[in-house]
């Protein structure tokens, strides 16, 4: 293979260090090429590492901004703070997860107490399966979706055609008003774990559930208040009086929840029957209460 001097272009002998025509150091040139070649992968690695570092920094900044927005909503729910596009979605998912955790924990602790009280009279029941846990999560998420979609629809219909209501702005407003329920959800979880279920006495059983029921009612009241206020604040140029739009939204929500509860109540009964079919009969289960 012929080699040429990079300085003057004359043909050179591969075994000589200097060009016989111009005296150029051929080995120095090869060393420079080798060094550039060896350092090229490092440069490429650094180039690919920079975007990854940027993504980590973006996630950290996003999390920090969300936490600040969340704390501000705890302090002053009615004072709207500017938030990122998906802050409201994050709060809704967190609410669904915490409430589902409380529901599943209550069922599992109740099952545990049933097993302890039943002794050997019936087959030992198992905790709820992951499938049932996921179904509870989806049911809670659907109820939250009712609040968001119906509330946004009422806000959009309540404004005249010249005013557009942004969905994510409404969602952030609604979440900012209801984020306080996250704290109540945590209290509900703690209350469930501090209750000793007494299945031998139905009256005692419901008395011990009293505090958890009160917290659950408070959560519902926070969501109802946030639902009403979010609709009221989202209607800037009312087509009709805001009172009637809020009233209509409440009626639609009540009808939607009633239909949904009627449908899912039967489905849940079937799911529970299948869930415990291998453990004990429904009659034996209810006789424990």
Foldseek 3Di string as FASTA:
>chain_A
DWDADPVPGHTDDPVDQARPPPRHGNVVVVVVVVVCVVCVVVVVVVVVVVVVVVVVVVVVVLVVQLVVLLVVLLVPLQDDDDHDQCSLVVLLLLLLVLLLLLVQLLQQLVLVLLCVVCPPVFFRADRDDVVVSVVSSVVSSVLVVLLLVLLLVLLQQFADPVDDFDSSVLSSSLSSQLSNLSVLSVVLSVLSVVANADLQDPVVRVVSCVVSVVSVVVSVVSNLVSSLVSSLVSHDHGPDDSVVSSVVSVVVSVVVVVVVCVVVVVVVVVVVCVSCVVTGHPVVVVVSD
